[in-house]
């Protein structure tokens, strides 16, 4: 949908566009997300292969999940050698995925912009377009990644009940991304954290 032209009014004097029109829309935020996803996957695979090469092993709770997956391959008659390779690879990738899943978003949680956002020159700010603070960025990081954080905590035997809660929270936050399609251009985590995303040049 084409945005109204707020550069002049009918009498020729300049007017200020509503702040919502300066916020970054769904398209550019989706591209930033895809860039970050590509970087995260690449880093995860790299670290996973490194863990596999070093044969560092994994926590028992992770190994239990891997054993459940590999039991299916065993029933399919796949060779033991390939299963052993898959066991080592999955262990490395799952461990790396948890590390990257927590630390990569923390870049945005500290600086206000993920690598994907920086490439597109957009950043997190206050709803009215002023620069954010680390406290604001970290609050947004926790809210946005709460589902992932709960699922990781659920790996601890005493906190296993958090897995279901983490799944539900993750789905709610994911669906909340589509709030960017609204006129306010705010995802659910933006509404809760009191943040918005702007082009760098529009920060006041």
C-alpha atoms as a PDB file:
ATOM      1  CA  UNK A   1       0.000   0.000   0.000  1.00  0.00           C
ATOM      2  CA  UNK A   2       1.383   3.394  -1.005  1.00  0.00           C
ATOM      3  CA  UNK A   3       2.100   5.718   1.890  1.00  0.00           C
ATOM      4  CA  UNK A   4       0.501   9.185   1.884  1.00  0.00           C
ATOM      5  CA  UNK A   5       2.762  12.076   0.981  1.00  0.00           C
ATOM      6  CA  UNK A   6       3.278  14.130   4.126  1.00  0.00           C
ATOM      7  CA  UNK A   7       5.986  16.378   2.668  1.00  0.00           C
ATOM      8  CA  UNK A   8       3.584  19.324   2.179  1.00  0.00           C
ATOM      9  CA  UNK A   9       0.033  20.237   3.057  1.00  0.00           C
ATOM     10  CA  UNK A  10      -2.465  21.925   0.661  1.00  0.00           C
ATOM     11  CA  UNK A  11      -1.261  25.358   1.790  1.00  0.00           C
ATOM     12  CA  UNK A  12       2.376  24.662   0.948  1.00  0.00           C
ATOM     13  CA  UNK A  13       3.823  24.490   4.474  1.00  0.00           C
ATOM     14  CA  UNK A  14       5.707  21.316   5.512  1.00  0.00           C
ATOM     15  CA  UNK A  15       3.989  18.855   7.820  1.00  0.00           C
ATOM     16  CA  UNK A  16       5.356  16.023   9.950  1.00  0.00           C
ATOM     17  CA  UNK A  17       4.309  12.447   9.084  1.00  0.00           C
ATOM     18  CA  UNK A  18       2.865  10.292  11.868  1.00  0.00           C
ATOM     19  CA  UNK A  19       5.626   8.441  13.673  1.00  0.00           C
ATOM     20  CA  UNK A  20       4.203   5.103  12.485  1.00  0.00           C
ATOM     21  CA  UNK A  21       5.211   5.916   8.914  1.00  0.00           C
ATOM     22  CA  UNK A  22       8.849   6.251   9.927  1.00  0.00           C
ATOM     23  CA  UNK A  23       8.954   2.793  11.503  1.00  0.00           C
ATOM     24  CA  UNK A  24      10.398  -0.044   9.454  1.00  0.00           C
ATOM     25  CA  UNK A  25       7.764  -2.300   7.911  1.00  0.00           C
ATOM     26  CA  UNK A  26       7.428  -6.048   7.588  1.00  0.00           C
ATOM     27  CA  UNK A  27       9.435  -6.451   4.365  1.00  0.00           C
ATOM     28  CA  UNK A  28      12.722  -4.987   5.534  1.00  0.00           C
ATOM     29  CA  UNK A  29      12.448  -6.654   8.939  1.00  0.00           C
ATOM     30  CA  UNK A  30      11.830 -10.001   7.227  1.00  0.00           C
ATOM     31  CA  UNK A  31      14.948  -9.554   5.080  1.00  0.00           C
ATOM     32  CA  UNK A  32      16.991  -8.737   8.204  1.00  0.00           C
ATOM     33  CA  UNK A  33      15.570 -11.864   9.883  1.00  0.00           C
ATOM     34  CA  UNK A  34      16.532 -14.043   6.905  1.00  0.00           C
ATOM     35  CA  UNK A  35      20.065 -12.618   6.872  1.00  0.00           C
ATOM     36  CA  UNK A  36      20.411 -13.337  10.593  1.00  0.00           C
ATOM     37  CA  UNK A  37      18.983 -16.836  10.117  1.00  0.00           C
ATOM     38  CA  UNK A  38      21.536 -17.577   7.382  1.00  0.00           C
ATOM     39  CA  UNK A  39      24.400 -16.311   9.533  1.00  0.00           C
ATOM     40  CA  UNK A  40      23.151 -18.246  12.573  1.00  0.00           C
ATOM     41  CA  UNK A  41      22.805 -21.503  10.638  1.00  0.00           C
ATOM     42  CA  UNK A  42      26.263 -21.111   9.130  1.00  0.00           C
ATOM     43  CA  UNK A  43      27.848 -20.397  12.515  1.00  0.00           C
ATOM     44  CA  UNK A  44      25.928 -23.258  14.144  1.00  0.00           C
ATOM     45  CA  UNK A  45      27.076 -25.765  11.538  1.00  0.00           C
ATOM     46  CA  UNK A  46      30.666 -24.523  11.794  1.00  0.00           C
ATOM     47  CA  UNK A  47      30.750 -24.828  15.576  1.00  0.00           C
ATOM     48  CA  UNK A  48      28.900 -28.143  15.402  1.00  0.00           C
ATOM     49  CA  UNK A  49      31.496 -29.597  13.047  1.00  0.00           C
ATOM     50  CA  UNK A  50      34.244 -28.306  15.341  1.00  0.00           C
ATOM     51  CA  UNK A  51      32.623 -29.998  18.355  1.00  0.00           C
ATOM     52  CA  UNK A  52      32.299 -33.169  16.288  1.00  0.00           C
ATOM     53  CA  UNK A  53      35.978 -33.070  15.312  1.00  0.00           C
ATOM     54  CA  UNK A  54      37.041 -32.495  18.923  1.00  0.00           C
ATOM     55  CA  UNK A  55      34.677 -35.240  20.137  1.00  0.00           C
ATOM     56  CA  UNK A  56      33.691 -33.148  23.153  1.00  0.00           C
ATOM     57  CA  UNK A  57      30.571 -35.134  23.938  1.00  0.00           C
ATOM     58  CA  UNK A  58      27.233 -33.722  25.057  1.00  0.00           C
ATOM     59  CA  UNK A  59      25.135 -33.525  28.189  1.00  0.00           C
ATOM     60  CA  UNK A  60      23.198 -36.691  29.017  1.00  0.00           C
ATOM     61  CA  UNK A  61      19.834 -35.009  28.530  1.00  0.00           C
ATOM     62  CA  UNK A  62      20.821 -34.059  24.973  1.00  0.00           C
ATOM     63  CA  UNK A  63      22.222 -37.531  24.325  1.00  0.00           C
ATOM     64  CA  UNK A  64      18.885 -39.037  25.389  1.00  0.00           C
ATOM     65  CA  UNK A  65      17.105 -36.968  22.735  1.00  0.00           C
ATOM     66  CA  UNK A  66      19.666 -37.951  20.106  1.00  0.00           C
ATOM     67  CA  UNK A  67      19.266 -41.634  21.012  1.00  0.00           C
ATOM     68  CA  UNK A  68      15.525 -41.334  20.396  1.00  0.00           C
ATOM     69  CA  UNK A  69      16.200 -39.911  16.934  1.00  0.00           C
ATOM     70  CA  UNK A  70      18.860 -42.493  16.067  1.00  0.00           C
ATOM     71  CA  UNK A  71      16.646 -45.383  17.180  1.00  0.00           C
ATOM     72  CA  UNK A  72      14.473 -44.594  14.166  1.00  0.00           C
ATOM     73  CA  UNK A  73      17.490 -44.843  11.862  1.00  0.00           C
ATOM     74  CA  UNK A  74      18.433 -48.131  13.513  1.00  0.00           C
ATOM     75  CA  UNK A  75      14.973 -49.556  12.828  1.00  0.00           C
ATOM     76  CA  UNK A  76      15.371 -48.509   9.195  1.00  0.00           C
ATOM     77  CA  UNK A  77      18.462 -50.718   8.952  1.00  0.00           C
ATOM     78  CA  UNK A  78      21.008 -47.932   8.528  1.00  0.00           C
ATOM     79  CA  UNK A  79      24.587 -49.049   9.185  1.00  0.00           C
ATOM     80  CA  UNK A  80      26.108 -48.619  12.646  1.00  0.00           C
ATOM     81  CA  UNK A  81      28.987 -46.579  11.211  1.00  0.00           C
ATOM     82  CA  UNK A  82      26.604 -44.002   9.754  1.00  0.00           C
ATOM     83  CA  UNK A  83      24.583 -43.935  12.980  1.00  0.00           C
ATOM     84  CA  UNK A  84      27.755 -43.279  14.991  1.00  0.00           C
ATOM     85  CA  UNK A  85      28.632 -40.414  12.625  1.00  0.00           C
ATOM     86  CA  UNK A  86      25.124 -38.990  12.926  1.00  0.00           C
ATOM     87  CA  UNK A  87      25.333 -39.302  16.711  1.00  0.00           C
ATOM     88  CA  UNK A  88      28.494 -37.220  16.831  1.00  0.00           C
ATOM     89  CA  UNK A  89      27.211 -34.669  14.308  1.00  0.00           C
ATOM     90  CA  UNK A  90      23.824 -34.214  15.973  1.00  0.00           C
ATOM     91  CA  UNK A  91      25.442 -33.818  19.364  1.00  0.00           C
ATOM     92  CA  UNK A  92      27.733 -31.077  18.076  1.00  0.00           C
ATOM     93  CA  UNK A  93      25.036 -29.273  16.100  1.00  0.00           C
ATOM     94  CA  UNK A  94      22.430 -29.371  18.902  1.00  0.00           C
ATOM     95  CA  UNK A  95      24.940 -28.060  21.443  1.00  0.00           C
ATOM     96  CA  UNK A  96      26.141 -25.378  19.029  1.00  0.00           C
ATOM     97  CA  UNK A  97      22.533 -24.467  18.237  1.00  0.00           C
ATOM     98  CA  UNK A  98      21.779 -23.798  21.892  1.00  0.00           C
ATOM     99  CA  UNK A  99      24.899 -21.644  22.263  1.00  0.00           C
ATOM    100  CA  UNK A 100      24.251 -19.659  19.087  1.00  0.00           C
ATOM    101  CA  UNK A 101      20.529 -19.434  19.879  1.00  0.00           C
ATOM    102  CA  UNK A 102      21.329 -17.571  23.097  1.00  0.00           C
ATOM    103  CA  UNK A 103      24.431 -15.582  22.183  1.00  0.00           C
ATOM    104  CA  UNK A 104      23.676 -14.455  18.611  1.00  0.00           C
ATOM    105  CA  UNK A 105      20.492 -12.541  19.521  1.00  0.00           C
ATOM    106  CA  UNK A 106      22.421 -11.047  22.426  1.00  0.00           C
ATOM    107  CA  UNK A 107      24.289  -8.926  19.861  1.00  0.00           C
ATOM    108  CA  UNK A 108      21.034  -7.064  19.289  1.00  0.00           C
ATOM    109  CA  UNK A 109      20.287  -7.262  23.003  1.00  0.00           C
ATOM    110  CA  UNK A 110      23.398  -5.219  23.756  1.00  0.00           C
ATOM    111  CA  UNK A 111      23.828  -2.979  20.690  1.00  0.00           C
ATOM    112  CA  UNK A 112      20.250  -2.561  19.469  1.00  0.00           C
ATOM    113  CA  UNK A 113      20.900  -4.099  16.057  1.00  0.00           C
ATOM    114  CA  UNK A 114      21.658  -7.621  14.888  1.00  0.00           C
ATOM    115  CA  UNK A 115      24.127  -8.123  12.016  1.00  0.00           C
ATOM    116  CA  UNK A 116      21.158  -8.447   9.659  1.00  0.00           C
ATOM    117  CA  UNK A 117      19.724  -5.152  10.859  1.00  0.00           C
ATOM    118  CA  UNK A 118      23.121  -3.471  10.586  1.00  0.00           C
ATOM    119  CA  UNK A 119      23.477  -4.586   6.980  1.00  0.00           C
ATOM    120  CA  UNK A 120      20.117  -2.969   6.211  1.00  0.00           C
ATOM    121  CA  UNK A 121      20.898   0.056   8.407  1.00  0.00           C
ATOM    122  CA  UNK A 122      17.938  -0.366  10.735  1.00  0.00           C
ATOM    123  CA  UNK A 123      17.956  -0.421  14.517  1.00  0.00           C
ATOM    124  CA  UNK A 124      15.836  -0.852  17.627  1.00  0.00           C
ATOM    125  CA  UNK A 125      14.727   2.360  19.300  1.00  0.00           C
ATOM    126  CA  UNK A 126      11.993   3.718  21.545  1.00  0.00           C
ATOM    127  CA  UNK A 127       8.452   3.843  20.101  1.00  0.00           C
ATOM    128  CA  UNK A 128       8.807   7.576  19.382  1.00  0.00           C
ATOM    129  CA  UNK A 129      12.090   7.125  17.509  1.00  0.00           C
ATOM    130  CA  UNK A 130      14.673   8.055  20.142  1.00  0.00           C
ATOM    131  CA  UNK A 131      17.844   5.983  20.695  1.00  0.00           C
ATOM    132  CA  UNK A 132      17.392   3.026  23.011  1.00  0.00           C
ATOM    133  CA  UNK A 133      19.459   2.035  26.027  1.00  0.00           C
ATOM    134  CA  UNK A 134      21.152  -1.267  26.829  1.00  0.00           C
ATOM    135  CA  UNK A 135      18.500  -1.875  29.487  1.00  0.00           C
ATOM    136  CA  UNK A 136      15.777  -1.447  26.851  1.00  0.00           C
ATOM    137  CA  UNK A 137      17.584  -3.698  24.367  1.00  0.00           C
ATOM    138  CA  UNK A 138      18.090  -6.413  26.977  1.00  0.00           C
ATOM    139  CA  UNK A 139      14.439  -6.273  28.041  1.00  0.00           C
ATOM    140  CA  UNK A 140      13.436  -6.755  24.402  1.00  0.00           C
ATOM    141  CA  UNK A 141      15.974  -9.584  24.021  1.00  0.00           C
ATOM    142  CA  UNK A 142      14.504 -11.502  26.978  1.00  0.00           C
ATOM    143  CA  UNK A 143      10.907 -11.022  25.811  1.00  0.00           C
ATOM    144  CA  UNK A 144      11.679 -11.878  22.183  1.00  0.00           C
ATOM    145  CA  UNK A 145      13.728 -14.968  23.071  1.00  0.00           C
ATOM    146  CA  UNK A 146      11.745 -16.120  26.101  1.00  0.00           C
ATOM    147  CA  UNK A 147      10.493 -19.266  24.372  1.00  0.00           C
ATOM    148  CA  UNK A 148      14.021 -20.354  23.465  1.00  0.00           C
ATOM    149  CA  UNK A 149      15.370 -19.550  26.929  1.00  0.00           C
ATOM    150  CA  UNK A 150      12.617 -21.587  28.598  1.00  0.00           C
ATOM    151  CA  UNK A 151      13.233 -24.557  26.296  1.00  0.00           C
ATOM    152  CA  UNK A 152      16.937 -24.536  27.147  1.00  0.00           C
ATOM    153  CA  UNK A 153      16.169 -24.372  30.870  1.00  0.00           C
ATOM    154  CA  UNK A 154      13.785 -27.299  30.351  1.00  0.00           C
ATOM    155  CA  UNK A 155      16.795 -29.486  29.532  1.00  0.00           C
ATOM    156  CA  UNK A 156      17.530 -29.536  33.249  1.00  0.00           C
ATOM    157  CA  UNK A 157      15.672 -32.508  34.799  1.00  0.00           C
ATOM    158  CA  UNK A 158      14.120 -30.426  37.552  1.00  0.00           C
ATOM    159  CA  UNK A 159      12.808 -27.870  35.044  1.00  0.00           C
ATOM    160  CA  UNK A 160      11.474 -30.209  32.395  1.00  0.00           C
ATOM    161  CA  UNK A 161       7.962 -28.800  32.890  1.00  0.00           C
ATOM    162  CA  UNK A 162       9.153 -25.577  31.221  1.00  0.00           C
ATOM    163  CA  UNK A 163       9.377 -27.250  27.804  1.00  0.00           C
ATOM    164  CA  UNK A 164       5.639 -27.041  27.142  1.00  0.00           C
ATOM    165  CA  UNK A 165       5.505 -23.468  28.412  1.00  0.00           C
ATOM    166  CA  UNK A 166       8.481 -22.553  26.221  1.00  0.00           C
ATOM    167  CA  UNK A 167       6.789 -24.044  23.161  1.00  0.00           C
ATOM    168  CA  UNK A 168       3.608 -22.056  23.779  1.00  0.00           C
ATOM    169  CA  UNK A 169       5.507 -18.823  24.431  1.00  0.00           C
ATOM    170  CA  UNK A 170       7.598 -19.376  21.301  1.00  0.00           C
ATOM    171  CA  UNK A 171       4.494 -19.819  19.143  1.00  0.00           C
ATOM    172  CA  UNK A 172       2.847 -16.706  20.614  1.00  0.00           C
ATOM    173  CA  UNK A 173       5.959 -14.589  20.021  1.00  0.00           C
ATOM    174  CA  UNK A 174       6.279 -15.953  16.469  1.00  0.00           C
ATOM    175  CA  UNK A 175       2.677 -15.110  15.634  1.00  0.00           C
ATOM    176  CA  UNK A 176       3.235 -11.718  17.224  1.00  0.00           C
ATOM    177  CA  UNK A 177       5.788 -10.915  14.507  1.00  0.00           C
ATOM    178  CA  UNK A 178       2.876 -10.378  12.129  1.00  0.00           C
ATOM    179  CA  UNK A 179       1.866  -7.366  14.172  1.00  0.00           C
ATOM    180  CA  UNK A 180       4.432  -5.509  12.064  1.00  0.00           C
ATOM    181  CA  UNK A 181       1.860  -5.697   9.256  1.00  0.00           C
ATOM    182  CA  UNK A 182      -0.469  -3.434  11.254  1.00  0.00           C
ATOM    183  CA  UNK A 183      -0.515   0.340  10.900  1.00  0.00           C
ATOM    184  CA  UNK A 184       1.540   0.663  14.107  1.00  0.00           C
ATOM    185  CA  UNK A 185       4.290  -1.582  12.637  1.00  0.00           C
ATOM    186  CA  UNK A 186       5.014  -3.169  16.006  1.00  0.00           C
ATOM    187  CA  UNK A 187       5.565  -6.860  16.713  1.00  0.00           C
ATOM    188  CA  UNK A 188       4.164  -8.285  19.944  1.00  0.00           C
ATOM    189  CA  UNK A 189       7.599  -8.203  21.611  1.00  0.00           C
ATOM    190  CA  UNK A 190       7.894  -4.529  20.590  1.00  0.00           C
ATOM    191  CA  UNK A 191       4.563  -3.743  22.250  1.00  0.00           C
ATOM    192  CA  UNK A 192       5.566  -5.499  25.459  1.00  0.00           C
ATOM    193  CA  UNK A 193       9.112  -4.102  25.566  1.00  0.00           C
ATOM    194  CA  UNK A 194       8.038  -0.622  24.404  1.00  0.00           C
ATOM    195  CA  UNK A 195      10.361  -0.584  21.381  1.00  0.00           C
ATOM    196  CA  UNK A 196      10.135  -0.056  17.632  1.00  0.00           C
ATOM    197  CA  UNK A 197      12.457  -0.481  14.653  1.00  0.00           C
ATOM    198  CA  UNK A 198      13.578   2.477  12.540  1.00  0.00           C
ATOM    199  CA  UNK A 199      15.975   3.259   9.742  1.00  0.00           C
ATOM    200  CA  UNK A 200      19.168   4.594  11.313  1.00  0.00           C
ATOM    201  CA  UNK A 201      18.735   7.987   9.642  1.00  0.00           C
ATOM    202  CA  UNK A 202      15.284   8.424  11.191  1.00  0.00           C
ATOM    203  CA  UNK A 203      16.499   8.098  14.794  1.00  0.00           C
ATOM    204  CA  UNK A 204      15.977  11.477  16.482  1.00  0.00           C
END
